[in-house]
Protein backbone atom coordinates (compact mmCIF):
# COMPACT_ATOMS: atom_id res chain seq x y z
CA ILE A 1 -7.01 -0.58 -39.38
CA ALA A 2 -6.86 0.78 -35.85
CA ALA A 3 -9.76 0.34 -33.45
CA GLY A 4 -12.58 2.80 -34.08
CA GLN A 5 -11.69 3.34 -37.75
CA CYS A 6 -13.09 2.08 -41.01
CA ARG A 7 -12.52 2.56 -44.71
CA VAL A 8 -14.28 1.82 -47.97
CA GLU A 9 -12.49 0.43 -50.99
CA ALA A 10 -13.73 -0.69 -54.38
CA GLY A 11 -13.82 -4.41 -55.10
CA GLU A 12 -14.24 -7.52 -53.00
CA HIS A 13 -12.21 -8.34 -49.94
CA PRO A 14 -11.21 -11.99 -49.63
CA ALA A 15 -12.05 -12.09 -45.90
CA PRO A 16 -14.15 -9.11 -44.76
CA THR A 17 -14.50 -8.48 -41.03
CA THR A 18 -18.13 -7.42 -41.39
CA THR A 19 -20.70 -7.61 -44.17
CA ILE A 20 -23.85 -5.53 -44.40
CA LYS A 21 -26.57 -6.57 -46.83
CA MET A 22 -29.77 -4.79 -47.73
CA ALA A 23 -31.84 -3.87 -50.78
CA SER A 24 -30.69 -0.75 -52.58
CA GLN A 25 -34.00 1.09 -52.02
CA ASP A 26 -33.92 0.29 -48.31
CA PHE A 27 -30.37 1.65 -48.16
CA LEU A 28 -31.44 4.86 -49.91
CA ASP A 29 -34.41 5.20 -47.54
CA MET A 30 -32.12 4.70 -44.56
CA MET A 31 -29.69 7.36 -45.80
CA ALA A 32 -32.60 9.75 -46.41
CA GLY A 33 -33.86 9.24 -42.85
CA LYS A 34 -37.01 7.45 -44.01
CA LEU A 35 -35.99 4.07 -42.55
CA ASP A 36 -34.65 3.71 -39.03
CA PRO A 37 -31.56 1.45 -39.02
CA MET A 38 -32.68 -0.45 -35.90
CA ALA A 39 -36.14 -0.99 -37.40
CA ALA A 40 -34.51 -2.20 -40.61
CA PHE A 41 -32.30 -4.61 -38.66
CA GLY A 42 -35.16 -5.86 -36.49
CA GLY A 43 -37.43 -6.26 -39.51
CA GLY A 44 -34.89 -8.26 -41.49
CA LYS A 45 -34.24 -5.55 -44.09
CA LEU A 46 -30.67 -5.02 -42.83
CA LYS A 47 -28.52 -8.10 -42.36
CA ILE A 48 -25.14 -7.94 -40.65
CA GLY A 49 -22.62 -10.74 -40.83
CA GLY A 50 -19.34 -11.09 -38.98
CA ASP A 51 -18.26 -8.61 -36.32
CA LEU A 52 -21.44 -6.82 -35.21
CA MET A 53 -19.46 -4.23 -33.25
CA LYS A 54 -17.50 -3.17 -36.35
CA SER A 55 -20.80 -2.61 -38.18
CA MET A 56 -21.48 0.26 -35.76
CA LEU A 57 -18.64 2.17 -37.45
CA ILE A 58 -20.62 2.51 -40.69
CA GLN A 59 -22.38 5.60 -39.36
CA LYS A 60 -19.05 7.44 -39.64
CA LEU A 61 -19.13 6.97 -43.42
CA PHE A 62 -22.32 8.98 -43.86
CA LYS A 63 -21.67 12.09 -41.77
CA PHE A 64 -21.80 15.09 -44.09
């Protein structure tokens, strides 16, 4: 994938570049604007593994 792009696919990738882990309710709250992503990250509710810079691309997935 070219720089500045991301994609979502079903299943598990054998070697993901970035992983993002959080509880499902926290994710729903974040998407609803009830939980600030930086507050979630700082408070340990949002855990990012791998390439931190690539995790910044996730915001592109949720623009409606």
